[in-house]
């Protein structure tokens, strides 16, 4: 966003960025970054009970057993580390040990 200020014949222009947590601008920016991330997609425990989908918009949707969308929230990946912020306020993290294996909450997820 470009903001202009006119003070007694003097024009000053400066760039302003929106950085408020949870803003649509932030989500769009994070979504674009996550859409290009190699870890976006479906991750499933070996028994198939927990299905964890990392969406390209920086959000996740986790199903447990027959309970679809049991947990939803946002995520952020830095290197091989992932942080989760559930919509209810719960936080968690995990680690990608290779391109097809995620360790999270004492569980092992595989890419599907």
PDB file of N, CA and C in Angstrom:
ATOM      1  N   UNK A   1       0.849  -1.151   0.000  1.00  0.00           N
ATOM      2  CA  UNK A   1       0.000   0.000   0.000  1.00  0.00           C
ATOM      3  C   UNK A   1       0.899   1.219   0.000  1.00  0.00           C
ATOM      4  N   UNK A   2       0.640   2.201  -0.874  1.00  0.00           N
ATOM      5  CA  UNK A   2       1.411   3.431  -0.940  1.00  0.00           C
ATOM      6  C   UNK A   2       0.624   4.510  -0.241  1.00  0.00           C
ATOM      7  N   UNK A   3       1.261   5.205   0.697  1.00  0.00           N
ATOM      8  CA  UNK A   3       0.612   6.268   1.455  1.00  0.00           C
ATOM      9  C   UNK A   3       1.330   7.566   1.129  1.00  0.00           C
ATOM     10  N   UNK A   4       0.563   8.596   0.812  1.00  0.00           N
ATOM     11  CA  UNK A   4       1.151   9.902   0.512  1.00  0.00           C
ATOM     12  C   UNK A   4       0.770  10.881   1.601  1.00  0.00           C
ATOM     13  N   UNK A   5       1.693  11.765   1.931  1.00  0.00           N
ATOM     14  CA  UNK A   5       1.466  12.773   2.947  1.00  0.00           C
ATOM     15  C   UNK A   5       1.894  14.105   2.357  1.00  0.00           C
ATOM     16  N   UNK A   6       1.034  15.102   2.410  1.00  0.00           N
ATOM     17  CA  UNK A   6       1.349  16.430   1.882  1.00  0.00           C
ATOM     18  C   UNK A   6       1.426  17.404   3.051  1.00  0.00           C
ATOM     19  N   UNK A   7       2.591  17.997   3.252  1.00  0.00           N
ATOM     20  CA  UNK A   7       2.792  18.940   4.345  1.00  0.00           C
ATOM     21  C   UNK A   7       3.335  20.235   3.763  1.00  0.00           C
ATOM     22  N   UNK A   8       2.568  21.276   3.826  1.00  0.00           N
ATOM     23  CA  UNK A   8       2.951  22.609   3.361  1.00  0.00           C
ATOM     24  C   UNK A   8       3.826  22.578   2.105  1.00  0.00           C
ATOM     25  N   UNK A   9       3.282  22.056   1.042  1.00  0.00           N
ATOM     26  CA  UNK A   9       3.981  22.045  -0.234  1.00  0.00           C
ATOM     27  C   UNK A   9       5.012  20.939  -0.375  1.00  0.00           C
ATOM     28  N   UNK A  10       5.221  20.139   0.657  1.00  0.00           N
ATOM     29  CA  UNK A  10       6.190  19.053   0.620  1.00  0.00           C
ATOM     30  C   UNK A  10       5.433  17.740   0.511  1.00  0.00           C
ATOM     31  N   UNK A  11       5.750  16.938  -0.478  1.00  0.00           N
ATOM     32  CA  UNK A  11       5.093  15.644  -0.639  1.00  0.00           C
ATOM     33  C   UNK A  11       6.021  14.535  -0.190  1.00  0.00           C
ATOM     34  N   UNK A  12       5.513  13.675   0.641  1.00  0.00           N
ATOM     35  CA  UNK A  12       6.276  12.528   1.108  1.00  0.00           C
ATOM     36  C   UNK A  12       5.462  11.282   0.816  1.00  0.00           C
ATOM     37  N   UNK A  13       6.071  10.296   0.209  1.00  0.00           N
ATOM     38  CA  UNK A  13       5.384   9.028  -0.074  1.00  0.00           C
ATOM     39  C   UNK A  13       6.191   7.918   0.572  1.00  0.00           C
ATOM     40  N   UNK A  14       5.502   6.981   1.179  1.00  0.00           N
ATOM     41  CA  UNK A  14       6.188   5.839   1.771  1.00  0.00           C
ATOM     42  C   UNK A  14       5.312   4.614   1.637  1.00  0.00           C
ATOM     43  N   UNK A  15       5.954   3.469   1.695  1.00  0.00           N
ATOM     44  CA  UNK A  15       5.228   2.201   1.570  1.00  0.00           C
ATOM     45  C   UNK A  15       4.815   1.741   2.952  1.00  0.00           C
ATOM     46  N   UNK A  16       3.653   1.197   3.015  1.00  0.00           N
ATOM     47  CA  UNK A  16       3.146   0.647   4.262  1.00  0.00           C
ATOM     48  C   UNK A  16       2.766  -0.795   4.013  1.00  0.00           C
ATOM     49  N   UNK A  17       3.097  -1.677   4.938  1.00  0.00           N
ATOM     50  CA  UNK A  17       2.692  -3.069   4.780  1.00  0.00           C
ATOM     51  C   UNK A  17       1.753  -3.436   5.915  1.00  0.00           C
ATOM     52  N   UNK A  18       0.813  -4.302   5.617  1.00  0.00           N
ATOM     53  CA  UNK A  18      -0.130  -4.755   6.624  1.00  0.00           C
ATOM     54  C   UNK A  18       0.434  -6.010   7.262  1.00  0.00           C
ATOM     55  N   UNK A  19       0.603  -6.003   8.594  1.00  0.00           N
ATOM     56  CA  UNK A  19       1.243  -7.110   9.267  1.00  0.00           C
ATOM     57  C   UNK A  19       0.401  -7.638  10.428  1.00  0.00           C
ATOM     58  N   UNK A  20      -0.833  -7.265  10.514  1.00  0.00           N
ATOM     59  CA  UNK A  20      -1.628  -7.729  11.649  1.00  0.00           C
ATOM     60  C   UNK A  20      -1.881  -9.220  11.546  1.00  0.00           C
ATOM     61  N   UNK A  21      -1.764  -9.914  12.665  1.00  0.00           N
ATOM     62  CA  UNK A  21      -1.938 -11.362  12.712  1.00  0.00           C
ATOM     63  C   UNK A  21      -3.342 -11.729  12.277  1.00  0.00           C
ATOM     64  N   UNK A  22      -3.422 -12.701  11.391  1.00  0.00           N
ATOM     65  CA  UNK A  22      -4.721 -13.187  10.953  1.00  0.00           C
ATOM     66  C   UNK A  22      -5.360 -12.353   9.857  1.00  0.00           C
ATOM     67  N   UNK A  23      -4.684 -11.328   9.359  1.00  0.00           N
ATOM     68  CA  UNK A  23      -5.283 -10.509   8.309  1.00  0.00           C
ATOM     69  C   UNK A  23      -5.323 -11.284   7.004  1.00  0.00           C
ATOM     70  N   UNK A  24      -6.244 -10.903   6.146  1.00  0.00           N
ATOM     71  CA  UNK A  24      -6.359 -11.555   4.848  1.00  0.00           C
ATOM     72  C   UNK A  24      -5.080 -11.366   4.042  1.00  0.00           C
ATOM     73  N   UNK A  25      -4.449 -10.196   4.188  1.00  0.00           N
ATOM     74  CA  UNK A  25      -3.200  -9.946   3.468  1.00  0.00           C
ATOM     75  C   UNK A  25      -2.139 -10.943   3.911  1.00  0.00           C
ATOM     76  N   UNK A  26      -2.006 -11.157   5.228  1.00  0.00           N
ATOM     77  CA  UNK A  26      -1.021 -12.099   5.749  1.00  0.00           C
ATOM     78  C   UNK A  26      -1.331 -13.511   5.279  1.00  0.00           C
ATOM     79  N   UNK A  27      -2.610 -13.901   5.331  1.00  0.00           N
ATOM     80  CA  UNK A  27      -2.987 -15.245   4.907  1.00  0.00           C
ATOM     81  C   UNK A  27      -2.704 -15.454   3.428  1.00  0.00           C
ATOM     82  N   UNK A  28      -2.971 -14.422   2.587  1.00  0.00           N
ATOM     83  CA  UNK A  28      -2.684 -14.541   1.161  1.00  0.00           C
ATOM     84  C   UNK A  28      -1.201 -14.733   0.935  1.00  0.00           C
ATOM     85  N   UNK A  29      -0.380 -13.933   1.633  1.00  0.00           N
ATOM     86  CA  UNK A  29       1.067 -14.031   1.487  1.00  0.00           C
ATOM     87  C   UNK A  29       1.561 -15.400   1.941  1.00  0.00           C
ATOM     88  N   UNK A  30       1.092 -15.853   3.105  1.00  0.00           N
ATOM     89  CA  UNK A  30       1.507 -17.150   3.622  1.00  0.00           C
ATOM     90  C   UNK A  30       1.008 -18.254   2.698  1.00  0.00           C
ATOM     91  N   UNK A  31      -0.202 -18.099   2.185  1.00  0.00           N
ATOM     92  CA  UNK A  31      -0.763 -19.095   1.285  1.00  0.00           C
ATOM     93  C   UNK A  31       0.073 -19.253   0.036  1.00  0.00           C
ATOM     94  N   UNK A  32       0.515 -18.139  -0.525  1.00  0.00           N
ATOM     95  CA  UNK A  32       1.351 -18.201  -1.718  1.00  0.00           C
ATOM     96  C   UNK A  32       2.661 -18.912  -1.415  1.00  0.00           C
ATOM     97  N   UNK A  33       3.239 -18.623  -0.258  1.00  0.00           N
ATOM     98  CA  UNK A  33       4.499 -19.261   0.139  1.00  0.00           C
ATOM     99  C   UNK A  33       4.298 -20.754   0.362  1.00  0.00           C
ATOM    100  N   UNK A  34       3.228 -21.141   1.059  1.00  0.00           N
ATOM    101  CA  UNK A  34       2.983 -22.544   1.359  1.00  0.00           C
ATOM    102  C   UNK A  34       2.569 -23.321   0.109  1.00  0.00           C
ATOM    103  N   UNK A  35       1.876 -22.674  -0.827  1.00  0.00           N
ATOM    104  CA  UNK A  35       1.446 -23.356  -2.047  1.00  0.00           C
ATOM    105  C   UNK A  35       2.641 -23.895  -2.818  1.00  0.00           C
ATOM    106  N   UNK A  36       3.766 -23.236  -2.665  1.00  0.00           N
ATOM    107  CA  UNK A  36       4.967 -23.652  -3.379  1.00  0.00           C
ATOM    108  C   UNK A  36       5.815 -24.605  -2.547  1.00  0.00           C
ATOM    109  N   UNK A  37       5.412 -24.876  -1.330  1.00  0.00           N
ATOM    110  CA  UNK A  37       6.227 -25.688  -0.439  1.00  0.00           C
ATOM    111  C   UNK A  37       6.104 -27.174  -0.774  1.00  0.00           C
ATOM    112  N   UNK A  38       7.213 -27.882  -0.695  1.00  0.00           N
ATOM    113  CA  UNK A  38       7.265 -29.307  -1.056  1.00  0.00           C
ATOM    114  C   UNK A  38       6.434 -30.193  -0.135  1.00  0.00           C
ATOM    115  N   UNK A  39       6.127 -29.741   1.079  1.00  0.00           N
ATOM    116  CA  UNK A  39       5.427 -30.584   2.037  1.00  0.00           C
ATOM    117  C   UNK A  39       3.903 -30.451   1.984  1.00  0.00           C
ATOM    118  N   UNK A  40       3.369 -29.582   1.136  1.00  0.00           N
ATOM    119  CA  UNK A  40       1.921 -29.440   0.999  1.00  0.00           C
ATOM    120  C   UNK A  40       1.334 -30.757   0.499  1.00  0.00           C
ATOM    121  N   UNK A  41       0.205 -31.162   1.075  1.00  0.00           N
ATOM    122  CA  UNK A  41      -0.463 -32.384   0.646  1.00  0.00           C
ATOM    123  C   UNK A  41      -0.958 -33.205   1.821  1.00  0.00           C
ATOM    124  N   UNK A  42      -1.298 -34.446   1.552  1.00  0.00           N
ATOM    125  CA  UNK A  42      -1.875 -35.341   2.553  1.00  0.00           C
ATOM    126  C   UNK A  42      -0.795 -36.166   3.234  1.00  0.00           C
ATOM    127  N   UNK A  43      -0.883 -36.233   4.578  1.00  0.00           N
ATOM    128  CA  UNK A  43       0.019 -37.025   5.411  1.00  0.00           C
ATOM    129  C   UNK A  43      -0.835 -37.939   6.260  1.00  0.00           C
ATOM    130  N   UNK A  44      -0.487 -39.231   6.328  1.00  0.00           N
ATOM    131  CA  UNK A  44      -1.343 -40.230   6.972  1.00  0.00           C
ATOM    132  C   UNK A  44      -0.490 -41.150   7.853  1.00  0.00           C
ATOM    133  N   UNK A  45      -1.023 -41.515   9.030  1.00  0.00           N
ATOM    134  CA  UNK A  45      -0.334 -42.498   9.876  1.00  0.00           C
ATOM    135  C   UNK A  45      -0.406 -43.854   9.180  1.00  0.00           C
ATOM    136  N   UNK A  46       0.507 -44.753   9.514  1.00  0.00           N
ATOM    137  CA  UNK A  46       0.567 -46.056   8.849  1.00  0.00           C
ATOM    138  C   UNK A  46      -0.730 -46.847   8.976  1.00  0.00           C
ATOM    139  N   UNK A  47      -1.450 -46.666  10.086  1.00  0.00           N
ATOM    140  CA  UNK A  47      -2.721 -47.381  10.250  1.00  0.00           C
ATOM    141  C   UNK A  47      -3.898 -46.662   9.581  1.00  0.00           C
ATOM    142  N   UNK A  48      -3.636 -45.474   9.008  1.00  0.00           N
ATOM    143  CA  UNK A  48      -4.673 -44.726   8.298  1.00  0.00           C
ATOM    144  C   UNK A  48      -5.656 -44.006   9.202  1.00  0.00           C
ATOM    145  N   UNK A  49      -5.471 -44.098  10.504  1.00  0.00           N
ATOM    146  CA  UNK A  49      -6.426 -43.514  11.445  1.00  0.00           C
ATOM    147  C   UNK A  49      -6.393 -41.983  11.455  1.00  0.00           C
ATOM    148  N   UNK A  50      -5.212 -41.406  11.308  1.00  0.00           N
ATOM    149  CA  UNK A  50      -5.098 -39.948  11.336  1.00  0.00           C
ATOM    150  C   UNK A  50      -4.614 -39.463   9.980  1.00  0.00           C
ATOM    151  N   UNK A  51      -5.393 -38.568   9.405  1.00  0.00           N
ATOM    152  CA  UNK A  51      -5.096 -38.004   8.090  1.00  0.00           C
ATOM    153  C   UNK A  51      -4.930 -36.497   8.251  1.00  0.00           C
ATOM    154  N   UNK A  52      -3.782 -36.021   7.872  1.00  0.00           N
ATOM    155  CA  UNK A  52      -3.393 -34.648   8.124  1.00  0.00           C
ATOM    156  C   UNK A  52      -3.110 -33.974   6.781  1.00  0.00           C
ATOM    157  N   UNK A  53      -3.984 -33.085   6.351  1.00  0.00           N
ATOM    158  CA  UNK A  53      -3.797 -32.433   5.054  1.00  0.00           C
ATOM    159  C   UNK A  53      -3.256 -31.024   5.246  1.00  0.00           C
ATOM    160  N   UNK A  54      -2.072 -30.775   4.685  1.00  0.00           N
ATOM    161  CA  UNK A  54      -1.484 -29.443   4.676  1.00  0.00           C
ATOM    162  C   UNK A  54      -1.943 -28.762   3.397  1.00  0.00           C
ATOM    163  N   UNK A  55      -2.788 -27.772   3.551  1.00  0.00           N
ATOM    164  CA  UNK A  55      -3.384 -27.086   2.397  1.00  0.00           C
ATOM    165  C   UNK A  55      -2.457 -25.997   1.872  1.00  0.00           C
ATOM    166  N   UNK A  56      -2.548 -25.676   0.585  1.00  0.00           N
ATOM    167  CA  UNK A  56      -1.645 -24.687  -0.004  1.00  0.00           C
ATOM    168  C   UNK A  56      -1.845 -23.264   0.511  1.00  0.00           C
ATOM    169  N   UNK A  57      -2.942 -22.998   1.218  1.00  0.00           N
ATOM    170  CA  UNK A  57      -3.195 -21.645   1.724  1.00  0.00           C
ATOM    171  C   UNK A  57      -2.663 -21.432   3.142  1.00  0.00           C
ATOM    172  N   UNK A  58      -1.816 -22.361   3.645  1.00  0.00           N
ATOM    173  CA  UNK A  58      -1.252 -22.208   4.970  1.00  0.00           C
ATOM    174  C   UNK A  58      -2.155 -22.715   6.087  1.00  0.00           C
ATOM    175  N   UNK A  59      -3.199 -23.444   5.727  1.00  0.00           N
ATOM    176  CA  UNK A  59      -4.118 -24.029   6.698  1.00  0.00           C
ATOM    177  C   UNK A  59      -3.960 -25.548   6.666  1.00  0.00           C
ATOM    178  N   UNK A  60      -4.418 -26.203   7.734  1.00  0.00           N
ATOM    179  CA  UNK A  60      -4.413 -27.660   7.739  1.00  0.00           C
ATOM    180  C   UNK A  60      -5.782 -28.157   8.177  1.00  0.00           C
ATOM    181  N   UNK A  61      -6.067 -29.387   7.807  1.00  0.00           N
ATOM    182  CA  UNK A  61      -7.319 -30.050   8.170  1.00  0.00           C
ATOM    183  C   UNK A  61      -6.956 -31.480   8.557  1.00  0.00           C
ATOM    184  N   UNK A  62      -7.244 -31.830   9.803  1.00  0.00           N
ATOM    185  CA  UNK A  62      -6.875 -33.153  10.307  1.00  0.00           C
ATOM    186  C   UNK A  62      -8.118 -33.973  10.607  1.00  0.00           C
ATOM    187  N   UNK A  63      -8.164 -35.176  10.068  1.00  0.00           N
ATOM    188  CA  UNK A  63      -9.258 -36.122  10.343  1.00  0.00           C
ATOM    189  C   UNK A  63      -8.716 -37.211  11.251  1.00  0.00           C
ATOM    190  N   UNK A  64      -9.572 -37.683  12.165  1.00  0.00           N
ATOM    191  CA  UNK A  64      -9.188 -38.768  13.085  1.00  0.00           C
ATOM    192  C   UNK A  64     -10.269 -39.829  13.047  1.00  0.00           C
ATOM    193  N   UNK A  65      -9.895 -41.007  12.561  1.00  0.00           N
ATOM    194  CA  UNK A  65     -10.878 -42.086  12.423  1.00  0.00           C
ATOM    195  C   UNK A  65     -11.993 -41.657  11.494  1.00  0.00           C
ATOM    196  N   UNK A  66     -13.236 -41.790  11.954  1.00  0.00           N
ATOM    197  CA  UNK A  66     -14.384 -41.390  11.123  1.00  0.00           C
ATOM    198  C   UNK A  66     -14.731 -39.919  11.306  1.00  0.00           C
ATOM    199  N   UNK A  67     -13.981 -39.231  12.153  1.00  0.00           N
ATOM    200  CA  UNK A  67     -14.259 -37.816  12.443  1.00  0.00           C
ATOM    201  C   UNK A  67     -13.485 -36.908  11.477  1.00  0.00           C
ATOM    202  N   UNK A  68     -14.156 -36.483  10.417  1.00  0.00           N
ATOM    203  CA  UNK A  68     -13.547 -35.576   9.444  1.00  0.00           C
ATOM    204  C   UNK A  68     -13.387 -34.196  10.078  1.00  0.00           C
ATOM    205  N   UNK A  69     -12.348 -33.471   9.680  1.00  0.00           N
ATOM    206  CA  UNK A  69     -12.092 -32.117  10.180  1.00  0.00           C
ATOM    207  C   UNK A  69     -12.127 -32.047  11.708  1.00  0.00           C
ATOM    208  N   UNK A  70     -11.509 -33.022  12.361  1.00  0.00           N
ATOM    209  CA  UNK A  70     -11.451 -33.045  13.826  1.00  0.00           C
ATOM    210  C   UNK A  70     -10.675 -31.839  14.345  1.00  0.00           C
ATOM    211  N   UNK A  71      -9.633 -31.460  13.627  1.00  0.00           N
ATOM    212  CA  UNK A  71      -8.834 -30.291  13.991  1.00  0.00           C
ATOM    213  C   UNK A  71      -8.535 -29.502  12.733  1.00  0.00           C
ATOM    214  N   UNK A  72      -8.615 -28.186  12.849  1.00  0.00           N
ATOM    215  CA  UNK A  72      -8.285 -27.296  11.742  1.00  0.00           C
ATOM    216  C   UNK A  72      -7.535 -26.103  12.295  1.00  0.00           C
ATOM    217  N   UNK A  73      -6.684 -25.530  11.479  1.00  0.00           N
ATOM    218  CA  UNK A  73      -5.945 -24.351  11.904  1.00  0.00           C
ATOM    219  C   UNK A  73      -4.942 -23.946  10.849  1.00  0.00           C
ATOM    220  N   UNK A  74      -3.947 -23.206  11.285  1.00  0.00           N
ATOM    221  CA  UNK A  74      -2.924 -22.759  10.333  1.00  0.00           C
ATOM    222  C   UNK A  74      -1.588 -23.408  10.688  1.00  0.00           C
ATOM    223  N   UNK A  75      -0.690 -23.396   9.737  1.00  0.00           N
ATOM    224  CA  UNK A  75       0.636 -23.960   9.961  1.00  0.00           C
ATOM    225  C   UNK A  75       1.685 -23.101   9.280  1.00  0.00           C
ATOM    226  N   UNK A  76       2.918 -23.268   9.739  1.00  0.00           N
ATOM    227  CA  UNK A  76       4.049 -22.578   9.129  1.00  0.00           C
ATOM    228  C   UNK A  76       5.235 -23.536   9.133  1.00  0.00           C
ATOM    229  N   UNK A  77       5.926 -23.589   8.002  1.00  0.00           N
ATOM    230  CA  UNK A  77       7.086 -24.473   7.864  1.00  0.00           C
ATOM    231  C   UNK A  77       8.339 -23.629   7.706  1.00  0.00           C
ATOM    232  N   UNK A  78       9.345 -23.953   8.518  1.00  0.00           N
ATOM    233  CA  UNK A  78      10.658 -23.315   8.398  1.00  0.00           C
ATOM    234  C   UNK A  78      11.679 -24.437   8.356  1.00  0.00           C
ATOM    235  N   UNK A  79      12.319 -24.596   7.211  1.00  0.00           N
ATOM    236  CA  UNK A  79      13.257 -25.708   7.032  1.00  0.00           C
ATOM    237  C   UNK A  79      12.505 -27.011   7.102  1.00  0.00           C
ATOM    238  N   UNK A  80      12.877 -27.881   8.057  1.00  0.00           N
ATOM    239  CA  UNK A  80      12.173 -29.155   8.199  1.00  0.00           C
ATOM    240  C   UNK A  80      11.274 -29.155   9.447  1.00  0.00           C
ATOM    241  N   UNK A  81      11.056 -27.974  10.037  1.00  0.00           N
ATOM    242  CA  UNK A  81      10.221 -27.826  11.236  1.00  0.00           C
ATOM    243  C   UNK A  81       8.858 -27.253  10.854  1.00  0.00           C
ATOM    244  N   UNK A  82       7.793 -27.790  11.460  1.00  0.00           N
ATOM    245  CA  UNK A  82       6.447 -27.281  11.222  1.00  0.00           C
ATOM    246  C   UNK A  82       5.809 -26.909  12.554  1.00  0.00           C
ATOM    247  N   UNK A  83       5.169 -25.743  12.598  1.00  0.00           N
ATOM    248  CA  UNK A  83       4.402 -25.289  13.756  1.00  0.00           C
ATOM    249  C   UNK A  83       2.940 -25.229  13.359  1.00  0.00           C
ATOM    250  N   UNK A  84       2.073 -25.641  14.292  1.00  0.00           N
ATOM    251  CA  UNK A  84       0.627 -25.636  14.077  1.00  0.00           C
ATOM    252  C   UNK A  84      -0.043 -24.739  15.113  1.00  0.00           C
ATOM    253  N   UNK A  85      -1.051 -24.017  14.691  1.00  0.00           N
ATOM    254  CA  UNK A  85      -1.910 -23.238  15.574  1.00  0.00           C
ATOM    255  C   UNK A  85      -3.345 -23.634  15.272  1.00  0.00           C
ATOM    256  N   UNK A  86      -3.924 -24.458  16.129  1.00  0.00           N
ATOM    257  CA  UNK A  86      -5.292 -24.918  15.952  1.00  0.00           C
ATOM    258  C   UNK A  86      -6.249 -23.754  16.185  1.00  0.00           C
ATOM    259  N   UNK A  87      -7.382 -23.771  15.507  1.00  0.00           N
ATOM    260  CA  UNK A  87      -8.374 -22.709  15.650  1.00  0.00           C
ATOM    261  C   UNK A  87      -8.904 -22.585  17.078  1.00  0.00           C
ATOM    262  N   UNK A  88      -8.783 -23.636  17.878  1.00  0.00           N
ATOM    263  CA  UNK A  88      -9.258 -23.588  19.262  1.00  0.00           C
ATOM    264  C   UNK A  88      -8.203 -23.044  20.221  1.00  0.00           C
ATOM    265  N   UNK A  89      -6.982 -22.777  19.722  1.00  0.00           N
ATOM    266  CA  UNK A  89      -5.922 -22.233  20.551  1.00  0.00           C
ATOM    267  C   UNK A  89      -4.820 -23.223  20.879  1.00  0.00           C
ATOM    268  N   UNK A  90      -5.001 -24.478  20.543  1.00  0.00           N
ATOM    269  CA  UNK A  90      -3.994 -25.510  20.781  1.00  0.00           C
ATOM    270  C   UNK A  90      -2.816 -25.290  19.836  1.00  0.00           C
ATOM    271  N   UNK A  91      -1.594 -25.494  20.317  1.00  0.00           N
ATOM    272  CA  UNK A  91      -0.410 -25.393  19.455  1.00  0.00           C
ATOM    273  C   UNK A  91       0.359 -26.712  19.486  1.00  0.00           C
ATOM    274  N   UNK A  92       1.063 -26.988  18.402  1.00  0.00           N
ATOM    275  CA  UNK A  92       1.859 -28.208  18.291  1.00  0.00           C
ATOM    276  C   UNK A  92       2.963 -27.956  17.272  1.00  0.00           C
ATOM    277  N   UNK A  93       3.863 -28.905  17.183  1.00  0.00           N
ATOM    278  CA  UNK A  93       4.901 -28.799  16.171  1.00  0.00           C
ATOM    279  C   UNK A  93       5.297 -30.189  15.702  1.00  0.00           C
ATOM    280  N   UNK A  94       6.164 -30.226  14.716  1.00  0.00           N
ATOM    281  CA  UNK A  94       6.624 -31.490  14.171  1.00  0.00           C
ATOM    282  C   UNK A  94       7.889 -31.281  13.365  1.00  0.00           C
ATOM    283  N   UNK A  95       8.392 -32.399  12.827  1.00  0.00           N
ATOM    284  CA  UNK A  95       9.635 -32.339  12.066  1.00  0.00           C
ATOM    285  C   UNK A  95       9.552 -33.299  10.894  1.00  0.00           C
ATOM    286  N   UNK A  96       9.899 -32.807   9.721  1.00  0.00           N
ATOM    287  CA  UNK A  96       9.991 -33.643   8.537  1.00  0.00           C
ATOM    288  C   UNK A  96      11.371 -34.278   8.559  1.00  0.00           C
ATOM    289  N   UNK A  97      11.416 -35.603   8.717  1.00  0.00           N
ATOM    290  CA  UNK A  97      12.718 -36.278   8.794  1.00  0.00           C
ATOM    291  C   UNK A  97      13.271 -36.597   7.411  1.00  0.00           C
ATOM    292  N   UNK A  98      12.394 -36.641   6.428  1.00  0.00           N
ATOM    293  CA  UNK A  98      12.774 -36.714   5.020  1.00  0.00           C
ATOM    294  C   UNK A  98      11.575 -36.219   4.222  1.00  0.00           C
ATOM    295  N   UNK A  99      11.656 -36.236   2.915  1.00  0.00           N
ATOM    296  CA  UNK A  99      10.584 -35.631   2.105  1.00  0.00           C
ATOM    297  C   UNK A  99       9.252 -36.368   2.186  1.00  0.00           C
ATOM    298  N   UNK A 100       9.248 -37.588   2.707  1.00  0.00           N
ATOM    299  CA  UNK A 100       8.010 -38.360   2.783  1.00  0.00           C
ATOM    300  C   UNK A 100       7.637 -38.808   4.193  1.00  0.00           C
ATOM    301  N   UNK A 101       8.325 -38.288   5.230  1.00  0.00           N
ATOM    302  CA  UNK A 101       8.063 -38.717   6.598  1.00  0.00           C
ATOM    303  C   UNK A 101       7.996 -37.508   7.532  1.00  0.00           C
ATOM    304  N   UNK A 102       6.898 -37.426   8.281  1.00  0.00           N
ATOM    305  CA  UNK A 102       6.674 -36.350   9.245  1.00  0.00           C
ATOM    306  C   UNK A 102       6.494 -36.950  10.628  1.00  0.00           C
ATOM    307  N   UNK A 103       7.265 -36.481  11.603  1.00  0.00           N
ATOM    308  CA  UNK A 103       7.090 -36.864  13.002  1.00  0.00           C
ATOM    309  C   UNK A 103       6.339 -35.722  13.682  1.00  0.00           C
ATOM    310  N   UNK A 104       5.182 -36.048  14.262  1.00  0.00           N
ATOM    311  CA  UNK A 104       4.327 -35.031  14.880  1.00  0.00           C
ATOM    312  C   UNK A 104       3.520 -35.658  16.010  1.00  0.00           C
ATOM    313  N   UNK A 105       3.598 -35.069  17.198  1.00  0.00           N
ATOM    314  CA  UNK A 105       2.794 -35.532  18.329  1.00  0.00           C
ATOM    315  C   UNK A 105       3.033 -36.987  18.707  1.00  0.00           C
ATOM    316  N   UNK A 106       4.262 -37.451  18.587  1.00  0.00           N
ATOM    317  CA  UNK A 106       4.581 -38.838  18.916  1.00  0.00           C
ATOM    318  C   UNK A 106       4.144 -39.829  17.854  1.00  0.00           C
ATOM    319  N   UNK A 107       3.681 -39.338  16.725  1.00  0.00           N
ATOM    320  CA  UNK A 107       3.224 -40.205  15.623  1.00  0.00           C
ATOM    321  C   UNK A 107       4.117 -40.029  14.412  1.00  0.00           C
ATOM    322  N   UNK A 108       4.056 -40.997  13.514  1.00  0.00           N
ATOM    323  CA  UNK A 108       4.783 -40.918  12.248  1.00  0.00           C
ATOM    324  C   UNK A 108       3.759 -40.867  11.132  1.00  0.00           C
ATOM    325  N   UNK A 109       3.878 -39.841  10.293  1.00  0.00           N
ATOM    326  CA  UNK A 109       3.000 -39.657   9.139  1.00  0.00           C
ATOM    327  C   UNK A 109       3.797 -39.888   7.876  1.00  0.00           C
ATOM    328  N   UNK A 110       3.153 -40.473   6.889  1.00  0.00           N
ATOM    329  CA  UNK A 110       3.754 -40.692   5.563  1.00  0.00           C
ATOM    330  C   UNK A 110       2.964 -39.900   4.535  1.00  0.00           C
ATOM    331  N   UNK A 111       3.692 -39.416   3.550  1.00  0.00           N
ATOM    332  CA  UNK A 111       3.040 -38.664   2.458  1.00  0.00           C
ATOM    333  C   UNK A 111       2.154 -39.614   1.640  1.00  0.00           C
ATOM    334  N   UNK A 112       0.969 -39.171   1.269  1.00  0.00           N
ATOM    335  CA  UNK A 112       0.080 -39.934   0.374  1.00  0.00           C
ATOM    336  C   UNK A 112      -0.156 -39.165  -0.880  1.00  0.00           C
TER     337      UNK A 112
END
